[in-house]
PDB file of all heavy atoms in Angstrom:
ATOM      1  N   ILE A   1       0.845  -1.195  -0.002  1.00  0.00           N
ATOM      2  CA  ILE A   1       0.007   0.000  -0.002  1.00  0.00           C
ATOM      3  C   ILE A   1       0.880   1.221   0.014  1.00  0.00           C
ATOM      4  O   ILE A   1       0.606   2.198  -0.734  1.00  0.00           O
ATOM      5  CB  ILE A   1      -0.951  -0.032   1.227  1.00  0.00           C
ATOM      6  CG1 ILE A   1      -2.086  -1.050   0.957  1.00  0.00           C
ATOM      7  CG2 ILE A   1      -1.560   1.346   1.471  1.00  0.00           C
ATOM      8  CD1 ILE A   1      -2.950  -1.314   2.188  1.00  0.00           C
ATOM      9  N   PHE A   2       1.937   1.229   0.823  1.00  0.00           N
ATOM     10  CA  PHE A   2       2.870   2.389   0.793  1.00  0.00           C
ATOM     11  C   PHE A   2       3.542   2.546  -0.564  1.00  0.00           C
ATOM     12  O   PHE A   2       3.804   3.655  -1.008  1.00  0.00           O
ATOM     13  CB  PHE A   2       3.899   2.255   1.906  1.00  0.00           C
ATOM     14  CG  PHE A   2       3.345   2.626   3.258  1.00  0.00           C
ATOM     15  CD1 PHE A   2       3.575   1.797   4.351  1.00  0.00           C
ATOM     16  CD2 PHE A   2       2.633   3.790   3.461  1.00  0.00           C
ATOM     17  CE1 PHE A   2       3.085   2.156   5.587  1.00  0.00           C
ATOM     18  CE2 PHE A   2       2.139   4.128   4.666  1.00  0.00           C
ATOM     19  CZ  PHE A   2       2.356   3.318   5.778  1.00  0.00           C
ATOM     20  N   GLN A   3       3.825   1.415  -1.227  1.00  0.00           N
ATOM     21  CA  GLN A   3       4.404   1.498  -2.573  1.00  0.00           C
ATOM     22  C   GLN A   3       3.426   2.126  -3.557  1.00  0.00           C
ATOM     23  O   GLN A   3       3.778   2.913  -4.396  1.00  0.00           O
ATOM     24  CB  GLN A   3       4.836   0.107  -3.052  1.00  0.00           C
ATOM     25  CG  GLN A   3       5.943  -0.532  -2.276  1.00  0.00           C
ATOM     26  CD  GLN A   3       7.209   0.287  -2.308  1.00  0.00           C
ATOM     27  OE1 GLN A   3       7.647   0.775  -3.339  1.00  0.00           O
ATOM     28  NE2 GLN A   3       7.796   0.471  -1.112  1.00  0.00           N
ATOM     29  N   GLY A   4       2.138   1.734  -3.400  1.00  0.00           N
ATOM     30  CA  GLY A   4       1.111   2.300  -4.272  1.00  0.00           C
ATOM     31  C   GLY A   4       0.847   3.753  -3.992  1.00  0.00           C
ATOM     32  O   GLY A   4       0.524   4.527  -4.903  1.00  0.00           O
ATOM     33  N   GLU A   5       0.972   4.175  -2.727  1.00  0.00           N
ATOM     34  CA  GLU A   5       0.759   5.586  -2.376  1.00  0.00           C
ATOM     35  C   GLU A   5       1.735   6.501  -3.113  1.00  0.00           C
ATOM     36  O   GLU A   5       1.408   7.630  -3.495  1.00  0.00           O
ATOM     37  CB  GLU A   5       0.931   5.801  -0.867  1.00  0.00           C
ATOM     38  CG  GLU A   5      -0.165   5.268  -0.010  1.00  0.00           C
ATOM     39  CD  GLU A   5      -1.382   6.179   0.037  1.00  0.00           C
ATOM     40  OE1 GLU A   5      -1.351   7.282  -0.463  1.00  0.00           O
ATOM     41  OE2 GLU A   5      -2.381   5.702   0.591  1.00  0.00           O
ATOM     42  N   LYS A   6       2.920   6.019  -3.365  1.00  0.00           N
ATOM     43  CA  LYS A   6       3.963   6.814  -4.015  1.00  0.00           C
ATOM     44  C   LYS A   6       3.739   6.938  -5.541  1.00  0.00           C
ATOM     45  O   LYS A   6       4.313   7.830  -6.153  1.00  0.00           O
ATOM     46  CB  LYS A   6       5.354   6.211  -3.782  1.00  0.00           C
ATOM     47  CG  LYS A   6       5.755   6.172  -2.359  1.00  0.00           C
ATOM     48  CD  LYS A   6       7.083   5.455  -2.227  1.00  0.00           C
ATOM     49  CE  LYS A   6       7.437   5.169  -0.765  1.00  0.00           C
ATOM     50  NZ  LYS A   6       8.632   4.331  -0.679  1.00  0.00           N
ATOM     51  N   MET A   7       2.934   6.048  -6.102  1.00  0.00           N
ATOM     52  CA  MET A   7       2.812   6.038  -7.570  1.00  0.00           C
ATOM     53  C   MET A   7       2.037   7.227  -8.127  1.00  0.00           C
ATOM     54  O   MET A   7       2.430   7.771  -9.126  1.00  0.00           O
ATOM     55  CB  MET A   7       2.105   4.749  -8.009  1.00  0.00           C
ATOM     56  CG  MET A   7       2.945   3.500  -7.851  1.00  0.00           C
ATOM     57  SD  MET A   7       2.079   2.096  -8.458  1.00  0.00           S
ATOM     58  CE  MET A   7       3.366   0.853  -8.393  1.00  0.00           C
ATOM     59  N   ILE A   8       0.943   7.601  -7.490  1.00  0.00           N
ATOM     60  CA  ILE A   8       0.176   8.736  -7.997  1.00  0.00           C
ATOM     61  C   ILE A   8      -0.257   9.615  -6.853  1.00  0.00           C
ATOM     62  O   ILE A   8      -0.577   9.128  -5.769  1.00  0.00           O
ATOM     63  CB  ILE A   8      -1.093   8.315  -8.821  1.00  0.00           C
ATOM     64  CG1 ILE A   8      -2.026   7.428  -8.004  1.00  0.00           C
ATOM     65  CG2 ILE A   8      -0.713   7.612 -10.087  1.00  0.00           C
ATOM     66  CD1 ILE A   8      -3.335   7.180  -8.665  1.00  0.00           C
ATOM     67  N   ALA A   9      -0.335  10.901  -7.075  1.00  0.00           N
ATOM     68  CA  ALA A   9      -0.872  11.902  -6.165  1.00  0.00           C
ATOM     69  C   ALA A   9      -0.570  11.632  -4.696  1.00  0.00           C
ATOM     70  O   ALA A   9      -1.431  11.224  -3.930  1.00  0.00           O
ATOM     71  CB  ALA A   9      -2.377  12.035  -6.355  1.00  0.00           C
ATOM     72  N   PRO A  10       0.704  11.820  -4.290  1.00  0.00           N
ATOM     73  CA  PRO A  10       1.070  11.523  -2.897  1.00  0.00           C
ATOM     74  C   PRO A  10       0.284  12.307  -1.851  1.00  0.00           C
ATOM     75  O   PRO A  10       0.177  11.874  -0.703  1.00  0.00           O
ATOM     76  CB  PRO A  10       2.549  11.893  -2.846  1.00  0.00           C
ATOM     77  CG  PRO A  10       3.006  11.998  -4.222  1.00  0.00           C
ATOM     78  CD  PRO A  10       1.833  12.290  -5.074  1.00  0.00           C
ATOM     79  N   GLU A  11      -0.285  13.421  -2.258  1.00  0.00           N
ATOM     80  CA  GLU A  11      -1.059  14.227  -1.282  1.00  0.00           C
ATOM     81  C   GLU A  11      -2.432  13.647  -1.003  1.00  0.00           C
ATOM     82  O   GLU A  11      -3.077  14.004  -0.014  1.00  0.00           O
ATOM     83  CB  GLU A  11      -1.183  15.666  -1.722  1.00  0.00           C
ATOM     84  CG  GLU A  11      -2.003  15.898  -3.006  1.00  0.00           C
ATOM     85  CD  GLU A  11      -1.244  15.603  -4.294  1.00  0.00           C
ATOM     86  OE1 GLU A  11      -0.029  15.348  -4.268  1.00  0.00           O
ATOM     87  OE2 GLU A  11      -1.891  15.627  -5.328  1.00  0.00           O
ATOM     88  N   GLN A  12      -2.914  12.749  -1.866  1.00  0.00           N
ATOM     89  CA  GLN A  12      -4.260  12.161  -1.685  1.00  0.00           C
ATOM     90  C   GLN A  12      -4.113  10.824  -0.909  1.00  0.00           C
ATOM     91  O   GLN A  12      -3.092  10.171  -0.977  1.00  0.00           O
ATOM     92  CB  GLN A  12      -4.903  11.812  -3.023  1.00  0.00           C
ATOM     93  CG  GLN A  12      -5.456  13.013  -3.731  1.00  0.00           C
ATOM     94  CD  GLN A  12      -6.112  12.574  -5.023  1.00  0.00           C
ATOM     95  OE1 GLN A  12      -5.597  11.773  -5.745  1.00  0.00           O
ATOM     96  NE2 GLN A  12      -7.259  13.170  -5.301  1.00  0.00           N
ATOM     97  N   GLN A  13      -5.216  10.440  -0.251  1.00  0.00           N
ATOM     98  CA  GLN A  13      -5.265   9.187   0.463  1.00  0.00           C
ATOM     99  C   GLN A  13      -5.942   8.135  -0.439  1.00  0.00           C
ATOM    100  O   GLN A  13      -6.828   8.480  -1.204  1.00  0.00           O
ATOM    101  CB  GLN A  13      -6.086   9.286   1.736  1.00  0.00           C
ATOM    102  CG  GLN A  13      -5.354   9.926   2.890  1.00  0.00           C
ATOM    103  CD  GLN A  13      -4.361   8.989   3.518  1.00  0.00           C
ATOM    104  OE1 GLN A  13      -3.798   8.092   2.884  1.00  0.00           O
ATOM    105  NE2 GLN A  13      -4.084   9.205   4.776  1.00  0.00           N
ATOM    106  N   GLY A  14      -5.509   6.907  -0.276  1.00  0.00           N
ATOM    107  CA  GLY A  14      -6.150   5.825  -0.990  1.00  0.00           C
ATOM    108  C   GLY A  14      -7.324   5.300  -0.164  1.00  0.00           C
ATOM    109  O   GLY A  14      -7.595   5.756   0.939  1.00  0.00           O
ATOM    110  N   ASN A  15      -8.037   4.292  -0.712  1.00  0.00           N
ATOM    111  CA  ASN A  15      -9.188   3.732  -0.046  1.00  0.00           C
ATOM    112  C   ASN A  15      -8.906   2.280   0.320  1.00  0.00           C
ATOM    113  O   ASN A  15      -8.545   1.500  -0.534  1.00  0.00           O
ATOM    114  CB  ASN A  15     -10.411   3.753  -0.959  1.00  0.00           C
ATOM    115  CG  ASN A  15     -10.751   5.166  -1.422  1.00  0.00           C
ATOM    116  OD1 ASN A  15     -10.758   6.062  -0.608  1.00  0.00           O
ATOM    117  ND2 ASN A  15     -10.963   5.331  -2.718  1.00  0.00           N
ATOM    118  N   TYR A  16      -9.140   1.949   1.600  1.00  0.00           N
ATOM    119  CA  TYR A  16      -9.045   0.562   2.031  1.00  0.00           C
ATOM    120  C   TYR A  16     -10.349  -0.141   1.670  1.00  0.00           C
ATOM    121  O   TYR A  16     -11.403   0.376   1.988  1.00  0.00           O
ATOM    122  CB  TYR A  16      -8.794   0.444   3.526  1.00  0.00           C
ATOM    123  CG  TYR A  16      -7.423   0.994   3.907  1.00  0.00           C
ATOM    124  CD1 TYR A  16      -7.289   2.287   4.440  1.00  0.00           C
ATOM    125  CD2 TYR A  16      -6.307   0.203   3.749  1.00  0.00           C
ATOM    126  CE1 TYR A  16      -6.063   2.779   4.810  1.00  0.00           C
ATOM    127  CE2 TYR A  16      -5.077   0.728   4.110  1.00  0.00           C
ATOM    128  CZ  TYR A  16      -4.950   1.991   4.601  1.00  0.00           C
ATOM    129  OH  TYR A  16      -3.711   2.476   4.933  1.00  0.00           O
ATOM    130  N   LEU A  17     -10.241  -1.250   0.996  1.00  0.00           N
ATOM    131  CA  LEU A  17     -11.438  -1.940   0.496  1.00  0.00           C
ATOM    132  C   LEU A  17     -11.753  -3.181   1.320  1.00  0.00           C
ATOM    133  O   LEU A  17     -11.067  -3.457   2.304  1.00  0.00           O
ATOM    134  CB  LEU A  17     -11.211  -2.280  -0.989  1.00  0.00           C
ATOM    135  CG  LEU A  17     -10.929  -1.109  -1.899  1.00  0.00           C
ATOM    136  CD1 LEU A  17     -10.643  -1.568  -3.322  1.00  0.00           C
ATOM    137  CD2 LEU A  17     -12.094  -0.131  -1.899  1.00  0.00           C
ATOM    138  N   PHE A  18     -12.783  -3.906   0.919  1.00  0.00           N
ATOM    139  CA  PHE A  18     -13.328  -5.006   1.689  1.00  0.00           C
ATOM    140  C   PHE A  18     -12.242  -6.053   2.023  1.00  0.00           C
ATOM    141  O   PHE A  18     -12.223  -6.601   3.134  1.00  0.00           O
ATOM    142  CB  PHE A  18     -14.448  -5.653   0.907  1.00  0.00           C
ATOM    143  CG  PHE A  18     -15.162  -6.751   1.622  1.00  0.00           C
ATOM    144  CD1 PHE A  18     -15.858  -6.516   2.769  1.00  0.00           C
ATOM    145  CD2 PHE A  18     -15.100  -8.053   1.150  1.00  0.00           C
ATOM    146  CE1 PHE A  18     -16.502  -7.514   3.457  1.00  0.00           C
ATOM    147  CE2 PHE A  18     -15.774  -9.069   1.793  1.00  0.00           C
ATOM    148  CZ  PHE A  18     -16.449  -8.827   2.972  1.00  0.00           C
ATOM    149  N   GLY A  19     -11.380  -6.346   1.135  1.00  0.00           N
ATOM    150  CA  GLY A  19     -10.325  -7.354   1.357  1.00  0.00           C
ATOM    151  C   GLY A  19      -9.444  -7.021   2.529  1.00  0.00           C
ATOM    152  O   GLY A  19      -9.047  -7.918   3.318  1.00  0.00           O
ATOM    153  N   PHE A  20      -9.121  -5.741   2.713  1.00  0.00           N
ATOM    154  CA  PHE A  20      -8.272  -5.331   3.824  1.00  0.00           C
ATOM    155  C   PHE A  20      -8.958  -5.600   5.131  1.00  0.00           C
ATOM    156  O   PHE A  20      -8.361  -6.037   6.120  1.00  0.00           O
ATOM    157  CB  PHE A  20      -7.906  -3.848   3.682  1.00  0.00           C
ATOM    158  CG  PHE A  20      -6.894  -3.387   4.702  1.00  0.00           C
ATOM    159  CD1 PHE A  20      -5.559  -3.605   4.468  1.00  0.00           C
ATOM    160  CD2 PHE A  20      -7.293  -2.747   5.845  1.00  0.00           C
ATOM    161  CE1 PHE A  20      -4.600  -3.193   5.381  1.00  0.00           C
ATOM    162  CE2 PHE A  20      -6.352  -2.354   6.748  1.00  0.00           C
ATOM    163  CZ  PHE A  20      -5.018  -2.584   6.534  1.00  0.00           C
ATOM    164  N   TYR A  21     -10.293  -5.352   5.186  1.00  0.00           N
ATOM    165  CA  TYR A  21     -11.020  -5.580   6.422  1.00  0.00           C
ATOM    166  C   TYR A  21     -11.219  -7.020   6.706  1.00  0.00           C
ATOM    167  O   TYR A  21     -11.485  -7.420   7.874  1.00  0.00           O
ATOM    168  CB  TYR A  21     -12.355  -4.795   6.398  1.00  0.00           C
ATOM    169  CG  TYR A  21     -12.105  -3.312   6.328  1.00  0.00           C
ATOM    170  CD1 TYR A  21     -12.399  -2.564   5.208  1.00  0.00           C
ATOM    171  CD2 TYR A  21     -11.551  -2.630   7.417  1.00  0.00           C
ATOM    172  CE1 TYR A  21     -12.178  -1.225   5.146  1.00  0.00           C
ATOM    173  CE2 TYR A  21     -11.290  -1.289   7.371  1.00  0.00           C
ATOM    174  CZ  TYR A  21     -11.627  -0.568   6.230  1.00  0.00           C
ATOM    175  OH  TYR A  21     -11.334   0.767   6.182  1.00  0.00           O
ATOM    176  N   LEU A  22     -11.101  -7.881   5.707  1.00  0.00           N
ATOM    177  CA  LEU A  22     -11.165  -9.341   5.945  1.00  0.00           C
ATOM    178  C   LEU A  22      -9.941  -9.761   6.764  1.00  0.00           C
ATOM    179  O   LEU A  22     -10.023 -10.709   7.579  1.00  0.00           O
ATOM    180  CB  LEU A  22     -11.232 -10.113   4.656  1.00  0.00           C
ATOM    181  CG  LEU A  22     -12.617 -10.074   3.976  1.00  0.00           C
ATOM    182  CD1 LEU A  22     -12.560 -10.707   2.568  1.00  0.00           C
ATOM    183  CD2 LEU A  22     -13.646 -10.798   4.865  1.00  0.00           C
ATOM    184  N   PHE A  23      -8.779  -9.126   6.533  1.00  0.00           N
ATOM    185  CA  PHE A  23      -7.600  -9.387   7.366  1.00  0.00           C
ATOM    186  C   PHE A  23      -7.880  -9.088   8.820  1.00  0.00           C
ATOM    187  O   PHE A  23      -7.624  -9.860   9.741  1.00  0.00           O
ATOM    188  CB  PHE A  23      -6.421  -8.522   6.952  1.00  0.00           C
ATOM    189  CG  PHE A  23      -5.470  -9.119   6.004  1.00  0.00           C
ATOM    190  CD1 PHE A  23      -5.079  -8.445   4.847  1.00  0.00           C
ATOM    191  CD2 PHE A  23      -4.903 -10.373   6.233  1.00  0.00           C
ATOM    192  CE1 PHE A  23      -4.205  -8.986   3.948  1.00  0.00           C
ATOM    193  CE2 PHE A  23      -4.017 -10.922   5.364  1.00  0.00           C
ATOM    194  CZ  PHE A  23      -3.661 -10.250   4.212  1.00  0.00           C
ATOM    195  N   VAL A  24      -8.493  -7.929   9.071  1.00  0.00           N
ATOM    196  CA  VAL A  24      -8.816  -7.497  10.403  1.00  0.00           C
ATOM    197  C   VAL A  24      -9.800  -8.479  11.050  1.00  0.00           C
ATOM    198  O   VAL A  24      -9.622  -8.859  12.238  1.00  0.00           O
ATOM    199  CB  VAL A  24      -9.404  -6.053  10.416  1.00  0.00           C
ATOM    200  CG1 VAL A  24      -9.826  -5.643  11.787  1.00  0.00           C
ATOM    201  CG2 VAL A  24      -8.356  -5.076   9.814  1.00  0.00           C
ATOM    202  N   SER A  25     -10.829  -8.893  10.312  1.00  0.00           N
ATOM    203  CA  SER A  25     -11.809  -9.814  10.887  1.00  0.00           C
ATOM    204  C   SER A  25     -11.156 -11.163  11.192  1.00  0.00           C
ATOM    205  O   SER A  25     -11.457 -11.791  12.205  1.00  0.00           O
ATOM    206  CB  SER A  25     -13.002  -9.974   9.970  1.00  0.00           C
ATOM    207  OG  SER A  25     -12.679 -10.643   8.793  1.00  0.00           O
ATOM    208  N   ALA A  26     -10.267 -11.638  10.310  1.00  0.00           N
ATOM    209  CA  ALA A  26      -9.573 -12.906  10.556  1.00  0.00           C
ATOM    210  C   ALA A  26      -8.725 -12.838  11.856  1.00  0.00           C
ATOM    211  O   ALA A  26      -8.698 -13.800  12.634  1.00  0.00           O
ATOM    212  CB  ALA A  26      -8.702 -13.291   9.353  1.00  0.00           C
ATOM    213  N   MET A  27      -8.035 -11.736  12.054  1.00  0.00           N
ATOM    214  CA  MET A  27      -7.240 -11.608  13.238  1.00  0.00           C
ATOM    215  C   MET A  27      -8.134 -11.511  14.492  1.00  0.00           C
ATOM    216  O   MET A  27      -7.779 -12.113  15.541  1.00  0.00           O
ATOM    217  CB  MET A  27      -6.367 -10.374  13.151  1.00  0.00           C
ATOM    218  CG  MET A  27      -5.281 -10.515  12.058  1.00  0.00           C
ATOM    219  SD  MET A  27      -4.179  -9.140  11.943  1.00  0.00           S
ATOM    220  CE  MET A  27      -2.908  -9.728  13.051  1.00  0.00           C
ATOM    221  N   LEU A  28      -9.271 -10.857  14.387  1.00  0.00           N
ATOM    222  CA  LEU A  28     -10.204 -10.813  15.504  1.00  0.00           C
ATOM    223  C   LEU A  28     -10.746 -12.230  15.832  1.00  0.00           C
ATOM    224  O   LEU A  28     -10.792 -12.603  16.993  1.00  0.00           O
ATOM    225  CB  LEU A  28     -11.357  -9.871  15.171  1.00  0.00           C
ATOM    226  CG  LEU A  28     -12.460  -9.776  16.241  1.00  0.00           C
ATOM    227  CD1 LEU A  28     -11.949  -9.084  17.495  1.00  0.00           C
ATOM    228  CD2 LEU A  28     -13.631  -9.056  15.676  1.00  0.00           C
ATOM    229  N   PHE A  29     -11.151 -12.947  14.823  1.00  0.00           N
ATOM    230  CA  PHE A  29     -11.656 -14.309  15.027  1.00  0.00           C
ATOM    231  C   PHE A  29     -10.604 -15.214  15.632  1.00  0.00           C
ATOM    232  O   PHE A  29     -10.900 -16.042  16.479  1.00  0.00           O
ATOM    233  CB  PHE A  29     -12.183 -14.929  13.721  1.00  0.00           C
ATOM    234  CG  PHE A  29     -13.457 -14.304  13.221  1.00  0.00           C
ATOM    235  CD1 PHE A  29     -13.661 -14.079  11.857  1.00  0.00           C
ATOM    236  CD2 PHE A  29     -14.476 -13.912  14.089  1.00  0.00           C
ATOM    237  CE1 PHE A  29     -14.787 -13.494  11.373  1.00  0.00           C
ATOM    238  CE2 PHE A  29     -15.648 -13.331  13.620  1.00  0.00           C
ATOM    239  CZ  PHE A  29     -15.779 -13.145  12.251  1.00  0.00           C
ATOM    240  N   ASN A  30      -9.343 -15.055  15.179  1.00  0.00           N
ATOM    241  CA  ASN A  30      -8.246 -15.852  15.754  1.00  0.00           C
ATOM    242  C   ASN A  30      -8.008 -15.542  17.236  1.00  0.00           C
ATOM    243  O   ASN A  30      -7.790 -16.445  18.054  1.00  0.00           O
ATOM    244  CB  ASN A  30      -6.963 -15.607  14.934  1.00  0.00           C
ATOM    245  CG  ASN A  30      -5.916 -16.621  15.226  1.00  0.00           C
ATOM    246  OD1 ASN A  30      -6.172 -17.825  15.189  1.00  0.00           O
ATOM    247  ND2 ASN A  30      -4.726 -16.140  15.591  1.00  0.00           N
ATOM    248  N   THR A  31      -8.122 -14.249  17.573  1.00  0.00           N
ATOM    249  CA  THR A  31      -7.996 -13.851  18.974  1.00  0.00           C
ATOM    250  C   THR A  31      -9.094 -14.455  19.816  1.00  0.00           C
ATOM    251  O   THR A  31      -8.860 -14.942  20.952  1.00  0.00           O
ATOM    252  CB  THR A  31      -7.993 -12.327  19.075  1.00  0.00           C
ATOM    253  OG1 THR A  31      -6.958 -11.812  18.285  1.00  0.00           O
ATOM    254  CG2 THR A  31      -7.818 -11.869  20.510  1.00  0.00           C
ATOM    255  N   LEU A  32     -10.321 -14.432  19.306  1.00  0.00           N
ATOM    256  CA  LEU A  32     -11.441 -15.015  20.047  1.00  0.00           C
ATOM    257  C   LEU A  32     -11.266 -16.531  20.196  1.00  0.00           C
ATOM    258  O   LEU A  32     -11.576 -17.079  21.277  1.00  0.00           O
ATOM    259  CB  LEU A  32     -12.761 -14.671  19.353  1.00  0.00           C
ATOM    260  CG  LEU A  32     -13.191 -13.211  19.465  1.00  0.00           C
ATOM    261  CD1 LEU A  32     -14.369 -12.970  18.542  1.00  0.00           C
ATOM    262  CD2 LEU A  32     -13.528 -12.856  20.884  1.00  0.00           C
ATOM    263  N   ALA A  33     -10.847 -17.186  19.149  1.00  0.00           N
ATOM    264  CA  ALA A  33     -10.620 -18.634  19.230  1.00  0.00           C
ATOM    265  C   ALA A  33      -9.542 -18.973  20.253  1.00  0.00           C
ATOM    266  O   ALA A  33      -9.743 -19.871  21.078  1.00  0.00           O
ATOM    267  CB  ALA A  33     -10.206 -19.173  17.838  1.00  0.00           C
ATOM    268  N   ASN A  34      -8.476 -18.192  20.272  1.00  0.00           N
ATOM    269  CA  ASN A  34      -7.423 -18.456  21.268  1.00  0.00           C
ATOM    270  C   ASN A  34      -7.917 -18.224  22.668  1.00  0.00           C
ATOM    271  O   ASN A  34      -7.563 -18.975  23.597  1.00  0.00           O
ATOM    272  CB  ASN A  34      -6.198 -17.530  20.998  1.00  0.00           C
ATOM    273  CG  ASN A  34      -5.459 -17.916  19.772  1.00  0.00           C
ATOM    274  OD1 ASN A  34      -5.598 -19.056  19.275  1.00  0.00           O
ATOM    275  ND2 ASN A  34      -4.690 -16.984  19.224  1.00  0.00           N
ATOM    276  N   ARG A  35      -8.754 -17.231  22.857  1.00  0.00           N
ATOM    277  CA  ARG A  35      -9.294 -16.981  24.202  1.00  0.00           C
ATOM    278  C   ARG A  35     -10.181 -18.143  24.669  1.00  0.00           C
ATOM    279  O   ARG A  35     -10.075 -18.563  25.810  1.00  0.00           O
ATOM    280  CB  ARG A  35     -10.139 -15.694  24.179  1.00  0.00           C
ATOM    281  CG  ARG A  35     -10.768 -15.385  25.495  1.00  0.00           C
ATOM    282  CD  ARG A  35     -11.332 -14.028  25.549  1.00  0.00           C
ATOM    283  NE  ARG A  35     -10.215 -13.110  25.578  1.00  0.00           N
ATOM    284  CZ  ARG A  35     -10.318 -11.789  25.379  1.00  0.00           C
ATOM    285  NH1 ARG A  35     -11.467 -11.273  25.203  1.00  0.00           N
ATOM    286  NH2 ARG A  35      -9.246 -11.016  25.396  1.00  0.00           N
ATOM    287  N   PHE A  36     -11.006 -18.671  23.783  1.00  0.00           N
ATOM    288  CA  PHE A  36     -11.868 -19.778  24.203  1.00  0.00           C
ATOM    289  C   PHE A  36     -11.112 -21.088  24.353  1.00  0.00           C
ATOM    290  O   PHE A  36     -11.459 -21.921  25.212  1.00  0.00           O
ATOM    291  CB  PHE A  36     -13.030 -19.958  23.182  1.00  0.00           C
ATOM    292  CG  PHE A  36     -14.113 -18.961  23.375  1.00  0.00           C
ATOM    293  CD1 PHE A  36     -14.256 -17.886  22.509  1.00  0.00           C
ATOM    294  CD2 PHE A  36     -14.998 -19.052  24.465  1.00  0.00           C
ATOM    295  CE1 PHE A  36     -15.274 -16.965  22.693  1.00  0.00           C
ATOM    296  CE2 PHE A  36     -15.996 -18.128  24.655  1.00  0.00           C
ATOM    297  CZ  PHE A  36     -16.124 -17.058  23.755  1.00  0.00           C
ATOM    298  N   ILE A  37     -10.058 -21.270  23.584  1.00  0.00           N
ATOM    299  CA  ILE A  37      -9.201 -22.461  23.789  1.00  0.00           C
ATOM    300  C   ILE A  37      -8.526 -22.372  25.202  1.00  0.00           C
ATOM    301  O   ILE A  37      -8.512 -23.357  25.928  1.00  0.00           O
ATOM    302  CB  ILE A  37      -8.116 -22.577  22.673  1.00  0.00           C
ATOM    303  CG1 ILE A  37      -8.769 -22.872  21.349  1.00  0.00           C
ATOM    304  CG2 ILE A  37      -7.094 -23.632  23.021  1.00  0.00           C
ATOM    305  CD1 ILE A  37      -7.866 -22.678  20.174  1.00  0.00           C
ATOM    306  N   ARG A  38      -7.994 -21.202  25.509  1.00  0.00           N
ATOM    307  CA  ARG A  38      -7.400 -21.001  26.841  1.00  0.00           C
ATOM    308  C   ARG A  38      -8.400 -21.190  27.937  1.00  0.00           C
ATOM    309  O   ARG A  38      -8.105 -21.795  28.999  1.00  0.00           O
ATOM    310  CB  ARG A  38      -6.790 -19.590  26.927  1.00  0.00           C
ATOM    311  CG  ARG A  38      -5.851 -19.396  28.041  1.00  0.00           C
ATOM    312  CD  ARG A  38      -5.139 -18.063  28.040  1.00  0.00           C
ATOM    313  NE  ARG A  38      -4.844 -17.509  26.720  1.00  0.00           N
ATOM    314  CZ  ARG A  38      -5.429 -16.438  26.210  1.00  0.00           C
ATOM    315  NH1 ARG A  38      -6.348 -15.786  26.873  1.00  0.00           N
ATOM    316  NH2 ARG A  38      -5.098 -15.993  24.997  1.00  0.00           N
ATOM    317  N   LYS A  39      -9.637 -20.750  27.735  1.00  0.00           N
ATOM    318  CA  LYS A  39     -10.701 -20.915  28.737  1.00  0.00           C
ATOM    319  C   LYS A  39     -11.010 -22.403  28.950  1.00  0.00           C
ATOM    320  O   LYS A  39     -11.199 -22.844  30.082  1.00  0.00           O
ATOM    321  CB  LYS A  39     -11.921 -20.144  28.260  1.00  0.00           C
ATOM    322  CG  LYS A  39     -12.952 -19.849  29.293  1.00  0.00           C
ATOM    323  CD  LYS A  39     -14.020 -18.976  28.676  1.00  0.00           C
ATOM    324  CE  LYS A  39     -15.008 -18.543  29.673  1.00  0.00           C
ATOM    325  NZ  LYS A  39     -16.071 -17.723  29.072  1.00  0.00           N
ATOM    326  N   ASP A  40     -11.095 -23.193  27.863  1.00  0.00           N
ATOM    327  CA  ASP A  40     -11.307 -24.621  27.981  1.00  0.00           C
ATOM    328  C   ASP A  40     -10.167 -25.307  28.754  1.00  0.00           C
ATOM    329  O   ASP A  40     -10.424 -26.150  29.580  1.00  0.00           O
ATOM    330  CB  ASP A  40     -11.391 -25.269  26.589  1.00  0.00           C
ATOM    331  CG  ASP A  40     -12.799 -25.277  26.054  1.00  0.00           C
ATOM    332  OD1 ASP A  40     -13.725 -24.747  26.742  1.00  0.00           O
ATOM    333  OD2 ASP A  40     -12.983 -25.839  24.945  1.00  0.00           O
TER     334      ASP A  40
END
């Protein structure tokens, strides 16, 4: 993403799309799974 930011209009911000938020949700689900495994 930082490489792409440099390609055009450095003063503008890019848009994070659905795929990026899937990373965040996967990390959240992994944290919840680890918590319940520890609880068991």
